[in-house]
Amino acid sequence: MPRLKDQDIERNKRRIQQAAMRMFIKQGYHGTSLRDIAKACKVSVGNIYNYYPTKEKLFSAIVASYEAKMEGLRAEALGPLDNVFDPDGLKQLAAAVQKIVYGNPDYWRLMYIDVVEFGNRHFAGSFRGLARNMEARLGDRLRQAAAKGAWNGIDPALAFTAVYLQFFTYFLVEKLFGGKEHLGMPDDQAIGQLIQIASHGLRGQPAAPRRAKQGAS
């Protein structure tokens, strides 16, 4: 049998992974057999074994492929941010998060399958040390933001990560859970209010003192 070229091997792996992804999302991990996957991508079960010795190895490979993609999307989302806590910067971040969530719904479905069927064994690493990872990505920008005002002991990396996760939660509820304006208003208004909370707190900025009118007694 002639040796396959590397590009052919990668193409075959992608084909198997794509078919497996469709089946896992439709039937769950434990509800899907390798025979189901083989039928979906029109290859033999033995051909799948040439690339993946077990079904879980195939599942892990799909997770790794998605994680590599998501890492690129996260870097793309965070790279242009300068004033990370300014309302304009947070609005830009929210738009980037919406694009990530809406453009990759199967990634989140796969994550929920992992939570239910594996106890999040494959995705847990994505969340460990998330704030420290943000600090590594945005270190100088976070330090500059921290130097601008009193933080009352709050870690800027923690604060930014909390806002980042809030945006993800909002759009995941809208996209995957059918929230449909679950905060009671359109996306732009809801995100605007979340940004206001992040920027100024629940009570907002204190009102400026009124100037006395000239000529008043």
C-alpha atoms as a PDB file:
ATOM      1  CA  MET A   1       0.000   0.000   0.000  1.00  0.00           C
ATOM      2  CA  PRO A   2       1.539   3.349  -1.010  1.00  0.00           C
ATOM      3  CA  ARG A   3       2.494   5.709   1.792  1.00  0.00           C
ATOM      4  CA  LEU A   4       0.112   8.644   2.164  1.00  0.00           C
ATOM      5  CA  LYS A   5       1.452  12.172   1.935  1.00  0.00           C
ATOM      6  CA  ASP A   6       1.280  14.320   5.055  1.00  0.00           C
ATOM      7  CA  GLN A   7      -1.342  16.554   3.471  1.00  0.00           C
ATOM      8  CA  ASP A   8      -3.495  13.515   2.679  1.00  0.00           C
ATOM      9  CA  ILE A   9      -3.176  12.280   6.264  1.00  0.00           C
ATOM     10  CA  GLU A  10      -4.246  15.661   7.634  1.00  0.00           C
ATOM     11  CA  ARG A  11      -7.146  15.847   5.197  1.00  0.00           C
ATOM     12  CA  ASN A  12      -8.332  12.381   6.246  1.00  0.00           C
ATOM     13  CA  LYS A  13      -8.057  13.321   9.924  1.00  0.00           C
ATOM     14  CA  ARG A  14     -10.096  16.476   9.381  1.00  0.00           C
ATOM     15  CA  ARG A  15     -12.747  14.494   7.525  1.00  0.00           C
ATOM     16  CA  ILE A  16     -13.038  11.974  10.344  1.00  0.00           C
ATOM     17  CA  GLN A  17     -13.074  14.701  12.999  1.00  0.00           C
ATOM     18  CA  GLN A  18     -15.796  16.656  11.215  1.00  0.00           C
ATOM     19  CA  ALA A  19     -17.999  13.582  10.921  1.00  0.00           C
ATOM     20  CA  ALA A  20     -17.357  12.634  14.548  1.00  0.00           C
ATOM     21  CA  MET A  21     -18.177  16.163  15.673  1.00  0.00           C
ATOM     22  CA  ARG A  22     -21.535  16.048  13.923  1.00  0.00           C
ATOM     23  CA  MET A  23     -22.367  12.698  15.474  1.00  0.00           C
ATOM     24  CA  PHE A  24     -21.240  13.640  18.993  1.00  0.00           C
ATOM     25  CA  ILE A  25     -23.380  16.780  18.924  1.00  0.00           C
ATOM     26  CA  LYS A  26     -26.366  14.875  17.573  1.00  0.00           C
ATOM     27  CA  GLN A  27     -26.138  11.750  19.749  1.00  0.00           C
ATOM     28  CA  GLY A  28     -23.692  12.540  22.553  1.00  0.00           C
ATOM     29  CA  TYR A  29     -20.327  10.879  23.084  1.00  0.00           C
ATOM     30  CA  HIS A  30     -21.520   7.632  24.648  1.00  0.00           C
ATOM     31  CA  GLY A  31     -24.439   7.441  22.232  1.00  0.00           C
ATOM     32  CA  THR A  32     -22.093   7.464  19.238  1.00  0.00           C
ATOM     33  CA  SER A  33     -20.097   4.453  18.089  1.00  0.00           C
ATOM     34  CA  LEU A  34     -17.076   4.377  15.824  1.00  0.00           C
ATOM     35  CA  ARG A  35     -19.282   2.526  13.364  1.00  0.00           C
ATOM     36  CA  ASP A  36     -21.646   5.535  13.352  1.00  0.00           C
ATOM     37  CA  ILE A  37     -18.720   7.845  12.642  1.00  0.00           C
ATOM     38  CA  ALA A  38     -17.345   5.574   9.926  1.00  0.00           C
ATOM     39  CA  LYS A  39     -20.736   5.521   8.218  1.00  0.00           C
ATOM     40  CA  ALA A  40     -21.027   9.321   8.470  1.00  0.00           C
ATOM     41  CA  CYS A  41     -17.665   9.933   6.777  1.00  0.00           C
ATOM     42  CA  LYS A  42     -17.944   6.930   4.421  1.00  0.00           C
ATOM     43  CA  VAL A  43     -14.805   5.079   5.564  1.00  0.00           C
ATOM     44  CA  SER A  44     -14.234   1.765   7.300  1.00  0.00           C
ATOM     45  CA  VAL A  45     -13.921   1.479  11.073  1.00  0.00           C
ATOM     46  CA  GLY A  46     -10.437   0.077  10.465  1.00  0.00           C
ATOM     47  CA  ASN A  47      -9.498   3.264   8.603  1.00  0.00           C
ATOM     48  CA  ILE A  48     -10.474   5.327  11.647  1.00  0.00           C
ATOM     49  CA  TYR A  49      -8.280   3.102  13.832  1.00  0.00           C
ATOM     50  CA  ASN A  50      -5.349   3.952  11.559  1.00  0.00           C
ATOM     51  CA  TYR A  51      -5.539   7.510  12.915  1.00  0.00           C
ATOM     52  CA  TYR A  52      -7.220   7.194  16.320  1.00  0.00           C
ATOM     53  CA  PRO A  53      -6.676   4.102  18.490  1.00  0.00           C
ATOM     54  CA  THR A  54      -9.802   4.809  20.600  1.00  0.00           C
ATOM     55  CA  LYS A  55     -12.968   6.860  20.374  1.00  0.00           C
ATOM     56  CA  GLU A  56     -11.796   9.057  23.260  1.00  0.00           C
ATOM     57  CA  LYS A  57      -8.523   9.770  21.439  1.00  0.00           C
ATOM     58  CA  LEU A  58     -10.654  10.994  18.544  1.00  0.00           C
ATOM     59  CA  PHE A  59     -12.725  13.146  20.919  1.00  0.00           C
ATOM     60  CA  SER A  60      -9.512  14.570  22.429  1.00  0.00           C
ATOM     61  CA  ALA A  61      -8.159  15.364  18.971  1.00  0.00           C
ATOM     62  CA  ILE A  62     -11.334  17.310  18.127  1.00  0.00           C
ATOM     63  CA  VAL A  63     -11.015  19.272  21.382  1.00  0.00           C
ATOM     64  CA  ALA A  64      -7.343  20.019  20.651  1.00  0.00           C
ATOM     65  CA  SER A  65      -8.173  21.230  17.139  1.00  0.00           C
ATOM     66  CA  TYR A  66     -10.895  23.523  18.459  1.00  0.00           C
ATOM     67  CA  GLU A  67      -8.685  24.802  21.274  1.00  0.00           C
ATOM     68  CA  ALA A  68      -6.003  25.772  18.757  1.00  0.00           C
ATOM     69  CA  LYS A  69      -8.611  27.635  16.718  1.00  0.00           C
ATOM     70  CA  MET A  70     -10.063  29.352  19.788  1.00  0.00           C
ATOM     71  CA  GLU A  71      -6.617  30.393  20.974  1.00  0.00           C
ATOM     72  CA  GLY A  72      -6.137  32.236  17.700  1.00  0.00           C
ATOM     73  CA  LEU A  73      -9.545  33.894  18.019  1.00  0.00           C
ATOM     74  CA  ARG A  74      -8.827  34.979  21.606  1.00  0.00           C
ATOM     75  CA  ALA A  75      -5.483  36.466  20.564  1.00  0.00           C
ATOM     76  CA  GLU A  76      -7.230  38.283  17.702  1.00  0.00           C
ATOM     77  CA  ALA A  77      -9.880  39.641  20.078  1.00  0.00           C
ATOM     78  CA  LEU A  78      -7.463  40.856  22.748  1.00  0.00           C
ATOM     79  CA  GLY A  79      -4.662  42.080  20.515  1.00  0.00           C
ATOM     80  CA  PRO A  80      -6.165  45.432  19.405  1.00  0.00           C
ATOM     81  CA  LEU A  81      -7.361  46.470  22.886  1.00  0.00           C
ATOM     82  CA  ASP A  82      -5.471  49.466  24.245  1.00  0.00           C
ATOM     83  CA  ASN A  83      -7.531  51.083  26.980  1.00  0.00           C
ATOM     84  CA  VAL A  84      -8.819  47.830  28.373  1.00  0.00           C
ATOM     85  CA  PHE A  85     -11.275  49.321  30.890  1.00  0.00           C
ATOM     86  CA  ASP A  86     -12.511  52.281  28.867  1.00  0.00           C
ATOM     87  CA  PRO A  87     -16.115  51.949  27.616  1.00  0.00           C
ATOM     88  CA  ASP A  88     -14.981  52.008  23.972  1.00  0.00           C
ATOM     89  CA  GLY A  89     -12.446  49.262  24.638  1.00  0.00           C
ATOM     90  CA  LEU A  90     -15.033  47.127  26.441  1.00  0.00           C
ATOM     91  CA  LYS A  91     -17.517  47.669  23.615  1.00  0.00           C
ATOM     92  CA  GLN A  92     -14.868  46.434  21.188  1.00  0.00           C
ATOM     93  CA  LEU A  93     -14.232  43.418  23.417  1.00  0.00           C
ATOM     94  CA  ALA A  94     -17.961  42.611  23.592  1.00  0.00           C
ATOM     95  CA  ALA A  95     -18.237  42.697  19.794  1.00  0.00           C
ATOM     96  CA  ALA A  96     -15.254  40.339  19.494  1.00  0.00           C
ATOM     97  CA  VAL A  97     -16.732  37.936  22.056  1.00  0.00           C
ATOM     98  CA  GLN A  98     -20.080  37.942  20.241  1.00  0.00           C
ATOM     99  CA  LYS A  99     -18.292  37.043  17.015  1.00  0.00           C
ATOM    100  CA  ILE A 100     -16.473  34.163  18.719  1.00  0.00           C
ATOM    101  CA  VAL A 101     -19.614  32.764  20.360  1.00  0.00           C
ATOM    102  CA  TYR A 102     -21.922  33.120  17.362  1.00  0.00           C
ATOM    103  CA  GLY A 103     -19.307  31.866  14.915  1.00  0.00           C
ATOM    104  CA  ASN A 104     -18.431  28.673  16.840  1.00  0.00           C
ATOM    105  CA  PRO A 105     -21.581  27.225  18.416  1.00  0.00           C
ATOM    106  CA  ASP A 106     -20.331  23.643  18.056  1.00  0.00           C
ATOM    107  CA  TYR A 107     -17.342  24.414  20.286  1.00  0.00           C
ATOM    108  CA  TRP A 108     -19.663  25.242  23.175  1.00  0.00           C
ATOM    109  CA  ARG A 109     -21.909  22.256  22.493  1.00  0.00           C
ATOM    110  CA  LEU A 110     -18.855  20.007  22.580  1.00  0.00           C
ATOM    111  CA  MET A 111     -17.841  21.587  25.876  1.00  0.00           C
ATOM    112  CA  TYR A 112     -21.251  20.822  27.397  1.00  0.00           C
ATOM    113  CA  ILE A 113     -20.977  17.226  26.196  1.00  0.00           C
ATOM    114  CA  ASP A 114     -17.608  17.034  27.941  1.00  0.00           C
ATOM    115  CA  VAL A 115     -19.091  18.464  31.156  1.00  0.00           C
ATOM    116  CA  VAL A 116     -21.999  16.001  31.172  1.00  0.00           C
ATOM    117  CA  GLU A 117     -20.214  12.859  29.976  1.00  0.00           C
ATOM    118  CA  PHE A 118     -16.637  13.354  31.204  1.00  0.00           C
ATOM    119  CA  GLY A 119     -16.904  15.815  34.097  1.00  0.00           C
ATOM    120  CA  ASN A 120     -15.100  18.398  31.917  1.00  0.00           C
ATOM    121  CA  ARG A 121     -11.962  16.300  31.729  1.00  0.00           C
ATOM    122  CA  HIS A 122     -10.956  17.617  28.317  1.00  0.00           C
ATOM    123  CA  PHE A 123     -11.819  21.315  28.632  1.00  0.00           C
ATOM    124  CA  ALA A 124     -10.895  22.017  32.257  1.00  0.00           C
ATOM    125  CA  GLY A 125      -7.452  23.313  31.314  1.00  0.00           C
ATOM    126  CA  SER A 126      -9.050  26.154  29.364  1.00  0.00           C
ATOM    127  CA  PHE A 127     -10.282  27.727  32.611  1.00  0.00           C
ATOM    128  CA  ARG A 128      -7.438  27.028  35.012  1.00  0.00           C
ATOM    129  CA  GLY A 129      -5.471  30.177  35.741  1.00  0.00           C
ATOM    130  CA  LEU A 130      -7.585  32.192  33.321  1.00  0.00           C
ATOM    131  CA  ALA A 131      -6.944  35.512  35.087  1.00  0.00           C
ATOM    132  CA  ARG A 132      -3.203  34.851  35.140  1.00  0.00           C
ATOM    133  CA  ASN A 133      -3.313  34.050  31.435  1.00  0.00           C
ATOM    134  CA  MET A 134      -5.076  37.370  30.826  1.00  0.00           C
ATOM    135  CA  GLU A 135      -2.381  39.115  32.829  1.00  0.00           C
ATOM    136  CA  ALA A 136       0.301  37.469  30.683  1.00  0.00           C
ATOM    137  CA  ARG A 137      -1.458  38.620  27.504  1.00  0.00           C
ATOM    138  CA  LEU A 138      -2.342  42.134  28.632  1.00  0.00           C
ATOM    139  CA  GLY A 139       0.248  42.781  31.342  1.00  0.00           C
ATOM    140  CA  ASP A 140       1.397  46.291  30.391  1.00  0.00           C
ATOM    141  CA  ARG A 141      -2.112  47.398  29.458  1.00  0.00           C
ATOM    142  CA  LEU A 142      -3.546  46.154  32.750  1.00  0.00           C
ATOM    143  CA  ARG A 143      -0.775  47.826  34.731  1.00  0.00           C
ATOM    144  CA  GLN A 144      -1.359  51.108  32.914  1.00  0.00           C
ATOM    145  CA  ALA A 145      -5.062  50.905  33.713  1.00  0.00           C
ATOM    146  CA  ALA A 146      -4.316  50.146  37.346  1.00  0.00           C
ATOM    147  CA  ALA A 147      -2.048  53.183  37.581  1.00  0.00           C
ATOM    148  CA  LYS A 148      -4.852  55.520  36.496  1.00  0.00           C
ATOM    149  CA  GLY A 149      -6.923  55.312  39.650  1.00  0.00           C
ATOM    150  CA  ALA A 150      -7.629  53.689  42.984  1.00  0.00           C
ATOM    151  CA  TRP A 151      -8.552  50.014  42.713  1.00  0.00           C
ATOM    152  CA  ASN A 152      -9.192  49.417  46.413  1.00  0.00           C
ATOM    153  CA  GLY A 153      -7.157  46.231  46.336  1.00  0.00           C
ATOM    154  CA  ILE A 154      -8.974  44.718  43.334  1.00  0.00           C
ATOM    155  CA  ASP A 155      -6.688  42.849  40.964  1.00  0.00           C
ATOM    156  CA  PRO A 156      -7.070  44.395  37.455  1.00  0.00           C
ATOM    157  CA  ALA A 157      -6.514  40.967  35.853  1.00  0.00           C
ATOM    158  CA  LEU A 158      -9.374  39.553  37.923  1.00  0.00           C
ATOM    159  CA  ALA A 159     -11.603  42.510  37.040  1.00  0.00           C
ATOM    160  CA  PHE A 160     -10.921  42.224  33.309  1.00  0.00           C
ATOM    161  CA  THR A 161     -11.412  38.456  33.321  1.00  0.00           C
ATOM    162  CA  ALA A 162     -14.751  38.855  35.135  1.00  0.00           C
ATOM    163  CA  VAL A 163     -15.969  41.295  32.463  1.00  0.00           C
ATOM    164  CA  TYR A 164     -14.678  39.016  29.697  1.00  0.00           C
ATOM    165  CA  LEU A 165     -16.563  36.040  31.154  1.00  0.00           C
ATOM    166  CA  GLN A 166     -19.710  38.143  31.616  1.00  0.00           C
ATOM    167  CA  PHE A 167     -19.758  38.938  27.913  1.00  0.00           C
ATOM    168  CA  PHE A 168     -19.326  35.250  27.083  1.00  0.00           C
ATOM    169  CA  THR A 169     -22.149  34.295  29.449  1.00  0.00           C
ATOM    170  CA  TYR A 170     -24.460  36.884  27.937  1.00  0.00           C
ATOM    171  CA  PHE A 171     -23.934  35.763  24.349  1.00  0.00           C
ATOM    172  CA  LEU A 172     -23.975  32.054  25.204  1.00  0.00           C
ATOM    173  CA  VAL A 173     -27.393  32.452  26.840  1.00  0.00           C
ATOM    174  CA  GLU A 174     -28.609  34.376  23.792  1.00  0.00           C
ATOM    175  CA  LYS A 175     -27.179  31.952  21.223  1.00  0.00           C
ATOM    176  CA  LEU A 176     -27.269  28.465  22.732  1.00  0.00           C
ATOM    177  CA  PHE A 177     -30.032  28.727  25.313  1.00  0.00           C
ATOM    178  CA  GLY A 178     -32.478  30.785  23.276  1.00  0.00           C
ATOM    179  CA  GLY A 179     -32.458  33.653  25.760  1.00  0.00           C
ATOM    180  CA  LYS A 180     -33.849  36.160  23.239  1.00  0.00           C
ATOM    181  CA  GLU A 181     -33.152  39.424  25.054  1.00  0.00           C
ATOM    182  CA  HIS A 182     -32.925  37.614  28.389  1.00  0.00           C
ATOM    183  CA  LEU A 183     -31.944  40.840  30.157  1.00  0.00           C
ATOM    184  CA  GLY A 184     -35.082  42.515  28.852  1.00  0.00           C
ATOM    185  CA  MET A 185     -33.565  44.663  26.110  1.00  0.00           C
ATOM    186  CA  PRO A 186     -31.717  44.402  22.756  1.00  0.00           C
ATOM    187  CA  ASP A 187     -28.071  43.348  22.699  1.00  0.00           C
ATOM    188  CA  ASP A 188     -26.597  46.810  22.231  1.00  0.00           C
ATOM    189  CA  GLN A 189     -28.525  48.224  25.180  1.00  0.00           C
ATOM    190  CA  ALA A 190     -27.780  45.243  27.437  1.00  0.00           C
ATOM    191  CA  ILE A 191     -24.077  45.310  26.621  1.00  0.00           C
ATOM    192  CA  GLY A 192     -24.052  49.074  27.127  1.00  0.00           C
ATOM    193  CA  GLN A 193     -25.454  48.666  30.622  1.00  0.00           C
ATOM    194  CA  LEU A 194     -23.030  45.862  31.478  1.00  0.00           C
ATOM    195  CA  ILE A 195     -20.195  48.128  30.353  1.00  0.00           C
ATOM    196  CA  GLN A 196     -21.563  50.953  32.478  1.00  0.00           C
ATOM    197  CA  ILE A 197     -21.599  48.657  35.516  1.00  0.00           C
ATOM    198  CA  ALA A 198     -18.030  47.540  34.773  1.00  0.00           C
ATOM    199  CA  SER A 199     -16.832  51.107  34.226  1.00  0.00           C
ATOM    200  CA  HIS A 200     -18.671  53.004  36.960  1.00  0.00           C
ATOM    201  CA  GLY A 201     -20.172  50.455  39.316  1.00  0.00           C
ATOM    202  CA  LEU A 202     -23.828  49.876  40.143  1.00  0.00           C
ATOM    203  CA  ARG A 203     -24.395  53.446  41.314  1.00  0.00           C
ATOM    204  CA  GLY A 204     -22.644  55.052  38.362  1.00  0.00           C
ATOM    205  CA  GLN A 205     -20.574  58.176  38.477  1.00  0.00           C
ATOM    206  CA  PRO A 206     -21.469  60.749  41.106  1.00  0.00           C
ATOM    207  CA  ALA A 207     -23.395  63.698  39.702  1.00  0.00           C
ATOM    208  CA  ALA A 208     -21.383  66.835  39.114  1.00  0.00           C
ATOM    209  CA  PRO A 209     -22.177  69.620  41.588  1.00  0.00           C
ATOM    210  CA  ARG A 210     -24.521  72.247  40.206  1.00  0.00           C
ATOM    211  CA  ARG A 211     -23.169  75.705  39.645  1.00  0.00           C
ATOM    212  CA  ALA A 212     -25.021  78.543  41.340  1.00  0.00           C
ATOM    213  CA  LYS A 213     -26.753  80.822  38.877  1.00  0.00           C
ATOM    214  CA  GLN A 214     -25.247  84.262  38.530  1.00  0.00           C
ATOM    215  CA  GLY A 215     -27.198  86.922  40.313  1.00  0.00           C
ATOM    216  CA  ALA A 216     -28.856  84.460  42.645  1.00  0.00           C
ATOM    217  CA  SER A 217     -29.278  85.847  46.145  1.00  0.00           C
END
